[in-house]
C-alpha cells in the first residue's frame, strides 16, 4: 500500500481545503445564475427541451 513519505504541513492542507471549498462555491453560484436566466427566459447558449404540446412520433 502506498503511503506518503513526509507529513503534509497544516498550511498545505488548509490551502488545499480552501481551494476545494472555493470551487464548490463558484459552481453553486454559476448553477444559480443559470437557473435564474432559464426561468427568466434570457438564457443564451443553453439548450433545453421546450414542451410544445404532445407531439408523439410513433
Protein backbone atom coordinates (compact mmCIF):
# COMPACT_ATOMS: atom_id res chain seq x y z
CA UNK A 1 0.00 0.00 0.00
CA UNK A 2 1.31 3.45 -0.90
CA UNK A 3 1.98 5.85 1.94
CA UNK A 4 3.28 9.43 1.89
CA UNK A 5 6.93 9.79 2.78
CA UNK A 6 6.56 13.09 4.60
CA UNK A 7 3.78 14.61 6.63
CA UNK A 8 1.82 17.31 4.82
CA UNK A 9 2.02 20.63 6.63
CA UNK A 10 -1.08 22.25 8.07
CA UNK A 11 -0.74 25.21 5.73
CA UNK A 12 -0.69 22.96 2.64
CA UNK A 13 -3.69 21.03 3.94
CA UNK A 14 -5.61 24.23 4.70
CA UNK A 15 -4.72 25.70 1.31
CA UNK A 16 -5.96 22.59 -0.48
CA UNK A 17 -9.18 22.63 1.56
CA UNK A 18 -9.75 26.33 0.80
CA UNK A 19 -9.34 25.73 -2.94
CA UNK A 20 -11.80 22.83 -2.79
CA UNK A 21 -14.37 24.96 -0.95
CA UNK A 22 -13.89 27.88 -3.37
CA UNK A 23 -14.53 25.62 -6.37
CA UNK A 24 -17.78 24.41 -4.80
CA UNK A 25 -18.93 27.97 -4.08
CA UNK A 26 -18.15 29.06 -7.65
CA UNK A 27 -20.02 26.08 -9.13
CA UNK A 28 -23.05 26.78 -6.93
CA UNK A 29 -23.06 30.45 -7.94
CA UNK A 30 -22.90 29.56 -11.64
CA UNK A 31 -25.70 27.00 -11.28
CA UNK A 32 -27.92 29.52 -9.52
CA UNK A 33 -27.19 32.15 -12.16
CA UNK A 34 -28.01 29.71 -14.97
CA UNK A 35 -31.22 28.68 -13.24
CA UNK A 36 -32.30 32.29 -12.86
CA UNK A 37 -31.60 33.05 -16.51
CA UNK A 38 -33.50 29.97 -17.68
CA UNK A 39 -36.53 30.90 -15.56
CA UNK A 40 -36.49 34.49 -16.76
CA UNK A 41 -36.19 33.38 -20.41
CA UNK A 42 -32.94 35.23 -21.05
CA UNK A 43 -30.73 32.14 -21.31
CA UNK A 44 -28.42 32.23 -24.33
CA UNK A 45 -26.17 29.36 -25.32
CA UNK A 46 -28.15 26.91 -23.21
CA UNK A 47 -30.36 24.37 -24.98
CA UNK A 48 -33.21 22.74 -23.12
CA UNK A 49 -36.36 20.99 -24.36
CA UNK A 50 -39.49 23.08 -24.67
CA UNK A 51 -42.88 21.49 -24.03
CA UNK A 52 -44.84 22.35 -27.17
CA UNK A 53 -47.93 20.19 -26.72
CA UNK A 54 -47.99 16.43 -27.04
CA UNK A 55 -46.24 15.61 -30.29
CA UNK A 56 -45.68 11.85 -30.45
CA UNK A 57 -43.84 10.47 -33.49
CA UNK A 58 -44.77 6.74 -33.38
